[in-house]
Amino acid sequence: MHTFDHERPQRIGMPEAVLCEPKTDAHIAAIVEDLIADRQSPILFTRLAPHRFELLDPDHQQALSYDADSQTAVLGGAMPQRIGTVAVVAAGTSDHGVAAEAVATLRFSGVETDLIVDVGVAGLWRLEARLDEIRKADIVIAVAGMDAALVSVLGGLVAAPVIGVPTSVGYGVATGGFAALNSALASCAQGVTVVNIDNGFGAACAAVRQLAMAQRQRR
């Protein structure tokens, strides 16, 4: 029997999430079984590849709401609706998987979100065409690989907090996302924050915390 952190929502406002990627198939199956039997709040599973989801017992598959795009699964529905909106803005189609993870995490957390894809700096006119839409959001998550220039560009164009997510998309010196990470960290745009490479989940959780704090201060 696994030991779950049922008090996490009371401490930080978000329930425990299960990272599946480094776990064995047997571990994932056991965790799902235990959570079905001992669940006190909705649970999000991340980095659950489609072929690994298919290995689960059919009854367990039916208990989960699975999204292959973001490789996430939800047990027990979403969290209550929160006030505030987040725009997830991805530079290219290649960044879609990381952006989809952020979107799935936000929706699981009860946050209204829009996904805007293919607005990278190689064609700035595409970003300019969506700026009015992006500026309506309370928080912007910028997902970009290569040199992650989109993070700095958005940081200089929108008033909302910008959370940069460097991705491992790229080739040559960009391979692995370290060029994107260093570029985002070195951004001259004021107040931009950056999470780890490919960490759409972490960026979404940061946005949820910011929205929760803003709501608390309004009371």
C-alpha atoms as a PDB file:
ATOM      1  CA  MET A   1       0.000   0.000   0.000  1.00  0.00           C
ATOM      2  CA  HIS A   2       1.374   3.399  -0.976  1.00  0.00           C
ATOM      3  CA  THR A   3       1.309   6.371   1.386  1.00  0.00           C
ATOM      4  CA  PHE A   4      -0.505   9.314  -0.204  1.00  0.00           C
ATOM      5  CA  ASP A   5      -0.333  12.952   0.815  1.00  0.00           C
ATOM      6  CA  HIS A   6      -4.034  13.618   1.375  1.00  0.00           C
ATOM      7  CA  GLU A   7      -3.373  16.858   3.286  1.00  0.00           C
ATOM      8  CA  ARG A   8      -1.562  18.552   0.404  1.00  0.00           C
ATOM      9  CA  PRO A   9      -4.653  20.452  -0.832  1.00  0.00           C
ATOM     10  CA  GLN A  10      -5.066  22.003   2.621  1.00  0.00           C
ATOM     11  CA  ARG A  11      -1.373  23.007   2.727  1.00  0.00           C
ATOM     12  CA  ILE A  12      -0.759  24.336  -0.779  1.00  0.00           C
ATOM     13  CA  GLY A  13      -4.144  24.289  -2.532  1.00  0.00           C
ATOM     14  CA  MET A  14      -3.284  21.458  -4.945  1.00  0.00           C
ATOM     15  CA  PRO A  15      -3.526  17.683  -4.554  1.00  0.00           C
ATOM     16  CA  GLU A  16      -0.701  15.218  -5.032  1.00  0.00           C
ATOM     17  CA  ALA A  17       0.221  14.381  -8.633  1.00  0.00           C
ATOM     18  CA  VAL A  18       1.744  11.128  -9.850  1.00  0.00           C
ATOM     19  CA  LEU A  19       4.718  11.300 -12.233  1.00  0.00           C
ATOM     20  CA  CYS A  20       4.533   8.061 -14.224  1.00  0.00           C
ATOM     21  CA  GLU A  21       7.513   8.282 -16.582  1.00  0.00           C
ATOM     22  CA  PRO A  22      10.249   6.930 -14.251  1.00  0.00           C
ATOM     23  CA  LYS A  23       8.012   4.298 -12.637  1.00  0.00           C
ATOM     24  CA  THR A  24       7.683   0.698 -13.742  1.00  0.00           C
ATOM     25  CA  ASP A  25       4.448  -0.578 -15.260  1.00  0.00           C
ATOM     26  CA  ALA A  26       3.862  -2.599 -12.089  1.00  0.00           C
ATOM     27  CA  HIS A  27       4.313   0.473  -9.894  1.00  0.00           C
ATOM     28  CA  ILE A  28       1.852   2.506 -11.962  1.00  0.00           C
ATOM     29  CA  ALA A  29      -0.736  -0.280 -11.854  1.00  0.00           C
ATOM     30  CA  ALA A  30      -0.370  -0.615  -8.085  1.00  0.00           C
ATOM     31  CA  ILE A  31      -0.650   3.136  -7.511  1.00  0.00           C
ATOM     32  CA  VAL A  32      -3.788   3.368  -9.634  1.00  0.00           C
ATOM     33  CA  GLU A  33      -5.330   0.442  -7.774  1.00  0.00           C
ATOM     34  CA  ASP A  34      -4.461   1.927  -4.379  1.00  0.00           C
ATOM     35  CA  LEU A  35      -5.789   5.364  -5.314  1.00  0.00           C
ATOM     36  CA  ILE A  36      -9.072   3.957  -6.566  1.00  0.00           C
ATOM     37  CA  ALA A  37      -9.467   2.298  -3.161  1.00  0.00           C
ATOM     38  CA  ASP A  38      -8.105   5.232  -1.105  1.00  0.00           C
ATOM     39  CA  ARG A  39      -8.864   8.509  -2.857  1.00  0.00           C
ATOM     40  CA  GLN A  40      -9.860  11.661  -0.988  1.00  0.00           C
ATOM     41  CA  SER A  41      -9.403  14.241  -3.754  1.00  0.00           C
ATOM     42  CA  PRO A  42      -8.948  14.244  -7.541  1.00  0.00           C
ATOM     43  CA  ILE A  43      -5.572  12.943  -8.718  1.00  0.00           C
ATOM     44  CA  LEU A  44      -3.545  13.904 -11.789  1.00  0.00           C
ATOM     45  CA  PHE A  45      -1.172  11.442 -13.474  1.00  0.00           C
ATOM     46  CA  THR A  46       1.515  13.011 -15.685  1.00  0.00           C
ATOM     47  CA  ARG A  47       3.883  11.616 -18.331  1.00  0.00           C
ATOM     48  CA  LEU A  48       1.725   8.530 -18.814  1.00  0.00           C
ATOM     49  CA  ALA A  49       2.550   7.431 -22.365  1.00  0.00           C
ATOM     50  CA  PRO A  50      -0.303   5.928 -24.429  1.00  0.00           C
ATOM     51  CA  HIS A  51       1.276   2.482 -24.672  1.00  0.00           C
ATOM     52  CA  ARG A  52       1.678   2.377 -20.879  1.00  0.00           C
ATOM     53  CA  PHE A  53      -1.914   3.462 -20.317  1.00  0.00           C
ATOM     54  CA  GLU A  54      -3.000   0.583 -22.562  1.00  0.00           C
ATOM     55  CA  LEU A  55      -1.171  -1.848 -20.256  1.00  0.00           C
ATOM     56  CA  LEU A  56      -3.441  -0.969 -17.332  1.00  0.00           C
ATOM     57  CA  ASP A  57      -6.303  -3.221 -16.325  1.00  0.00           C
ATOM     58  CA  PRO A  58      -9.399  -2.320 -18.425  1.00  0.00           C
ATOM     59  CA  ASP A  59     -11.366  -1.459 -15.270  1.00  0.00           C
ATOM     60  CA  HIS A  60      -8.597   0.917 -14.197  1.00  0.00           C
ATOM     61  CA  GLN A  61      -8.534   2.480 -17.662  1.00  0.00           C
ATOM     62  CA  GLN A  62     -12.256   3.151 -17.358  1.00  0.00           C
ATOM     63  CA  ALA A  63     -11.735   4.838 -13.983  1.00  0.00           C
ATOM     64  CA  LEU A  64      -9.276   7.301 -15.522  1.00  0.00           C
ATOM     65  CA  SER A  65      -9.952  10.166 -17.891  1.00  0.00           C
ATOM     66  CA  TYR A  66      -6.967   9.872 -20.243  1.00  0.00           C
ATOM     67  CA  ASP A  67      -5.614  12.415 -22.726  1.00  0.00           C
ATOM     68  CA  ALA A  68      -2.962  11.085 -25.106  1.00  0.00           C
ATOM     69  CA  ASP A  69      -2.079  14.579 -26.348  1.00  0.00           C
ATOM     70  CA  SER A  70      -0.785  15.716 -22.963  1.00  0.00           C
ATOM     71  CA  GLN A  71      -0.053  12.186 -21.695  1.00  0.00           C
ATOM     72  CA  THR A  72      -2.072  12.913 -18.573  1.00  0.00           C
ATOM     73  CA  ALA A  73      -4.822  11.039 -16.791  1.00  0.00           C
ATOM     74  CA  VAL A  74      -7.277  12.188 -14.139  1.00  0.00           C
ATOM     75  CA  LEU A  75      -8.906  10.138 -11.424  1.00  0.00           C
ATOM     76  CA  GLY A  76     -11.961  11.632  -9.743  1.00  0.00           C
ATOM     77  CA  GLY A  77     -12.648  14.633 -11.980  1.00  0.00           C
ATOM     78  CA  ALA A  78     -11.259  18.145 -11.820  1.00  0.00           C
ATOM     79  CA  MET A  79     -10.727  20.496  -8.893  1.00  0.00           C
ATOM     80  CA  PRO A  80     -13.310  23.243  -8.220  1.00  0.00           C
ATOM     81  CA  GLN A  81     -13.302  26.162 -10.646  1.00  0.00           C
ATOM     82  CA  ARG A  82     -10.848  28.952  -9.798  1.00  0.00           C
ATOM     83  CA  ILE A  83     -11.005  32.642 -10.647  1.00  0.00           C
ATOM     84  CA  GLY A  84      -8.540  33.799 -13.303  1.00  0.00           C
ATOM     85  CA  THR A  85      -7.352  32.775 -16.755  1.00  0.00           C
ATOM     86  CA  VAL A  86      -4.048  31.545 -18.150  1.00  0.00           C
ATOM     87  CA  ALA A  87      -2.869  31.679 -21.764  1.00  0.00           C
ATOM     88  CA  VAL A  88      -0.491  28.893 -22.766  1.00  0.00           C
ATOM     89  CA  VAL A  89       1.482  30.178 -25.737  1.00  0.00           C
ATOM     90  CA  ALA A  90       3.697  27.767 -27.681  1.00  0.00           C
ATOM     91  CA  ALA A  91       6.290  28.838 -30.221  1.00  0.00           C
ATOM     92  CA  GLY A  92       5.836  25.916 -32.596  1.00  0.00           C
ATOM     93  CA  THR A  93       3.918  22.721 -33.203  1.00  0.00           C
ATOM     94  CA  SER A  94       6.958  20.800 -31.928  1.00  0.00           C
ATOM     95  CA  ASP A  95       6.381  22.366 -28.497  1.00  0.00           C
ATOM     96  CA  HIS A  96       2.778  21.160 -28.426  1.00  0.00           C
ATOM     97  CA  GLY A  97       3.284  18.198 -26.082  1.00  0.00           C
ATOM     98  CA  VAL A  98       4.769  20.338 -23.302  1.00  0.00           C
ATOM     99  CA  ALA A  99       2.122  23.014 -23.840  1.00  0.00           C
ATOM    100  CA  ALA A 100      -0.616  20.367 -23.735  1.00  0.00           C
ATOM    101  CA  GLU A 101       0.713  19.142 -20.378  1.00  0.00           C
ATOM    102  CA  ALA A 102       0.419  22.684 -19.013  1.00  0.00           C
ATOM    103  CA  VAL A 103      -3.120  23.028 -20.358  1.00  0.00           C
ATOM    104  CA  ALA A 104      -4.212  19.671 -18.932  1.00  0.00           C
ATOM    105  CA  THR A 105      -2.762  20.546 -15.521  1.00  0.00           C
ATOM    106  CA  LEU A 106      -4.517  23.915 -15.498  1.00  0.00           C
ATOM    107  CA  ARG A 107      -7.863  22.441 -16.480  1.00  0.00           C
ATOM    108  CA  PHE A 108      -7.491  19.721 -13.851  1.00  0.00           C
ATOM    109  CA  SER A 109      -6.798  22.530 -11.343  1.00  0.00           C
ATOM    110  CA  GLY A 110     -10.022  24.333 -12.277  1.00  0.00           C
ATOM    111  CA  VAL A 111      -8.359  27.138 -14.247  1.00  0.00           C
ATOM    112  CA  GLU A 112      -9.769  28.499 -17.493  1.00  0.00           C
ATOM    113  CA  THR A 113      -7.081  28.378 -20.179  1.00  0.00           C
ATOM    114  CA  ASP A 114      -6.499  28.966 -23.873  1.00  0.00           C
ATOM    115  CA  LEU A 115      -3.830  27.218 -25.956  1.00  0.00           C
ATOM    116  CA  ILE A 116      -2.184  29.350 -28.626  1.00  0.00           C
ATOM    117  CA  VAL A 117       0.287  27.476 -30.844  1.00  0.00           C
ATOM    118  CA  ASP A 118       2.667  28.327 -33.698  1.00  0.00           C
ATOM    119  CA  VAL A 119       3.438  31.938 -32.813  1.00  0.00           C
ATOM    120  CA  GLY A 120       7.232  31.702 -32.634  1.00  0.00           C
ATOM    121  CA  VAL A 121       9.589  34.562 -33.410  1.00  0.00           C
ATOM    122  CA  ALA A 122      10.476  33.253 -36.876  1.00  0.00           C
ATOM    123  CA  GLY A 123       7.194  34.846 -37.983  1.00  0.00           C
ATOM    124  CA  LEU A 124       6.428  37.666 -35.565  1.00  0.00           C
ATOM    125  CA  TRP A 125       3.324  38.642 -37.502  1.00  0.00           C
ATOM    126  CA  ARG A 126       1.670  35.446 -36.225  1.00  0.00           C
ATOM    127  CA  LEU A 127       2.272  36.506 -32.620  1.00  0.00           C
ATOM    128  CA  GLU A 128       1.132  40.076 -33.320  1.00  0.00           C
ATOM    129  CA  ALA A 129      -2.144  38.714 -34.678  1.00  0.00           C
ATOM    130  CA  ARG A 130      -2.853  36.966 -31.345  1.00  0.00           C
ATOM    131  CA  LEU A 131      -1.562  39.629 -28.917  1.00  0.00           C
ATOM    132  CA  ASP A 132      -4.967  41.066 -28.024  1.00  0.00           C
ATOM    133  CA  GLU A 133      -6.147  37.568 -27.121  1.00  0.00           C
ATOM    134  CA  ILE A 134      -3.014  36.839 -25.068  1.00  0.00           C
ATOM    135  CA  ARG A 135      -3.251  40.147 -23.196  1.00  0.00           C
ATOM    136  CA  LYS A 136      -6.660  39.196 -21.802  1.00  0.00           C
ATOM    137  CA  ALA A 137      -5.103  36.457 -19.662  1.00  0.00           C
ATOM    138  CA  ASP A 138      -4.111  36.978 -16.032  1.00  0.00           C
ATOM    139  CA  ILE A 139      -0.969  34.856 -16.489  1.00  0.00           C
ATOM    140  CA  VAL A 140       0.926  33.802 -19.618  1.00  0.00           C
ATOM    141  CA  ILE A 141       2.901  30.570 -19.938  1.00  0.00           C
ATOM    142  CA  ALA A 142       5.400  30.783 -22.809  1.00  0.00           C
ATOM    143  CA  VAL A 143       6.569  27.425 -24.158  1.00  0.00           C
ATOM    144  CA  ALA A 144       9.531  27.498 -26.550  1.00  0.00           C
ATOM    145  CA  GLY A 145      12.539  25.502 -27.655  1.00  0.00           C
ATOM    146  CA  MET A 146      15.540  26.434 -29.832  1.00  0.00           C
ATOM    147  CA  ASP A 147      16.640  29.772 -28.280  1.00  0.00           C
ATOM    148  CA  ALA A 148      13.333  30.275 -26.393  1.00  0.00           C
ATOM    149  CA  ALA A 149      13.159  33.814 -27.752  1.00  0.00           C
ATOM    150  CA  LEU A 150       9.375  33.811 -27.393  1.00  0.00           C
ATOM    151  CA  VAL A 151       9.777  34.045 -23.618  1.00  0.00           C
ATOM    152  CA  SER A 152      11.612  37.387 -23.820  1.00  0.00           C
ATOM    153  CA  VAL A 153       9.371  38.738 -26.569  1.00  0.00           C
ATOM    154  CA  LEU A 154       6.210  38.073 -24.572  1.00  0.00           C
ATOM    155  CA  GLY A 155       7.899  39.433 -21.443  1.00  0.00           C
ATOM    156  CA  GLY A 156       8.291  42.729 -23.232  1.00  0.00           C
ATOM    157  CA  LEU A 157       4.796  42.848 -24.731  1.00  0.00           C
ATOM    158  CA  VAL A 158       2.320  41.784 -22.038  1.00  0.00           C
ATOM    159  CA  ALA A 159       1.678  43.133 -18.536  1.00  0.00           C
ATOM    160  CA  ALA A 160       0.664  39.786 -17.038  1.00  0.00           C
ATOM    161  CA  PRO A 161       3.246  37.592 -15.291  1.00  0.00           C
ATOM    162  CA  VAL A 162       5.113  35.455 -17.833  1.00  0.00           C
ATOM    163  CA  ILE A 163       6.271  31.952 -16.909  1.00  0.00           C
ATOM    164  CA  GLY A 164       8.814  30.594 -19.384  1.00  0.00           C
ATOM    165  CA  VAL A 165       9.025  26.885 -20.197  1.00  0.00           C
ATOM    166  CA  PRO A 166      12.143  26.034 -22.229  1.00  0.00           C
ATOM    167  CA  THR A 167      11.673  22.848 -24.237  1.00  0.00           C
ATOM    168  CA  SER A 168      14.126  20.259 -25.502  1.00  0.00           C
ATOM    169  CA  VAL A 169      13.100  20.964 -29.097  1.00  0.00           C
ATOM    170  CA  GLY A 170      16.073  21.814 -31.310  1.00  0.00           C
ATOM    171  CA  TYR A 171      19.256  20.447 -32.827  1.00  0.00           C
ATOM    172  CA  GLY A 172      22.976  21.070 -32.558  1.00  0.00           C
ATOM    173  CA  VAL A 173      23.773  23.205 -29.510  1.00  0.00           C
ATOM    174  CA  ALA A 174      20.034  23.446 -28.773  1.00  0.00           C
ATOM    175  CA  THR A 175      19.743  19.697 -28.186  1.00  0.00           C
ATOM    176  CA  GLY A 176      18.312  18.826 -24.797  1.00  0.00           C
ATOM    177  CA  GLY A 177      16.887  22.293 -24.152  1.00  0.00           C
ATOM    178  CA  PHE A 178      19.885  23.767 -22.334  1.00  0.00           C
ATOM    179  CA  ALA A 179      20.275  26.601 -24.868  1.00  0.00           C
ATOM    180  CA  ALA A 180      16.602  27.449 -24.393  1.00  0.00           C
ATOM    181  CA  LEU A 181      16.921  27.254 -20.610  1.00  0.00           C
ATOM    182  CA  ASN A 182      19.976  29.533 -20.487  1.00  0.00           C
ATOM    183  CA  SER A 183      18.385  31.981 -22.914  1.00  0.00           C
ATOM    184  CA  ALA A 184      15.178  32.177 -20.858  1.00  0.00           C
ATOM    185  CA  LEU A 185      17.120  32.593 -17.614  1.00  0.00           C
ATOM    186  CA  ALA A 186      19.194  35.368 -19.181  1.00  0.00           C
ATOM    187  CA  SER A 187      16.124  37.227 -20.477  1.00  0.00           C
ATOM    188  CA  CYS A 188      16.278  41.007 -20.220  1.00  0.00           C
ATOM    189  CA  ALA A 189      12.475  41.175 -19.998  1.00  0.00           C
ATOM    190  CA  GLN A 190      11.607  42.363 -16.490  1.00  0.00           C
ATOM    191  CA  GLY A 191       9.986  39.902 -14.105  1.00  0.00           C
ATOM    192  CA  VAL A 192       9.973  36.806 -16.298  1.00  0.00           C
ATOM    193  CA  THR A 193      10.197  33.559 -14.324  1.00  0.00           C
ATOM    194  CA  VAL A 194      11.443  30.254 -15.721  1.00  0.00           C
ATOM    195  CA  VAL A 195      10.787  26.607 -14.867  1.00  0.00           C
ATOM    196  CA  ASN A 196      12.744  23.495 -15.785  1.00  0.00           C
ATOM    197  CA  ILE A 197      13.122  22.088 -19.304  1.00  0.00           C
ATOM    198  CA  ASP A 198       9.881  20.558 -20.663  1.00  0.00           C
ATOM    199  CA  ASN A 199       8.143  21.211 -17.331  1.00  0.00           C
ATOM    200  CA  GLY A 200       4.657  22.162 -18.483  1.00  0.00           C
ATOM    201  CA  PHE A 201       3.248  20.685 -15.285  1.00  0.00           C
ATOM    202  CA  GLY A 202       5.484  22.863 -13.088  1.00  0.00           C
ATOM    203  CA  ALA A 203       4.612  26.025 -15.011  1.00  0.00           C
ATOM    204  CA  ALA A 204       0.897  25.324 -14.622  1.00  0.00           C
ATOM    205  CA  CYS A 205       1.297  24.714 -10.886  1.00  0.00           C
ATOM    206  CA  ALA A 206       3.186  28.013 -10.540  1.00  0.00           C
ATOM    207  CA  ALA A 207       0.317  29.781 -12.304  1.00  0.00           C
ATOM    208  CA  VAL A 208      -2.232  28.112 -10.007  1.00  0.00           C
ATOM    209  CA  ARG A 209      -0.330  29.300  -6.931  1.00  0.00           C
ATOM    210  CA  GLN A 210      -0.167  32.872  -8.269  1.00  0.00           C
ATOM    211  CA  LEU A 211      -3.888  32.923  -9.019  1.00  0.00           C
ATOM    212  CA  ALA A 212      -4.679  31.524  -5.574  1.00  0.00           C
ATOM    213  CA  MET A 213      -2.570  34.180  -3.861  1.00  0.00           C
ATOM    214  CA  ALA A 214      -4.160  36.957  -5.918  1.00  0.00           C
ATOM    215  CA  GLN A 215      -7.625  35.683  -4.969  1.00  0.00           C
ATOM    216  CA  ARG A 216      -6.663  35.525  -1.294  1.00  0.00           C
ATOM    217  CA  GLN A 217      -5.473  39.131  -1.374  1.00  0.00           C
ATOM    218  CA  ARG A 218      -8.788  40.270  -2.888  1.00  0.00           C
ATOM    219  CA  ARG A 219     -10.753  38.949   0.076  1.00  0.00           C
END
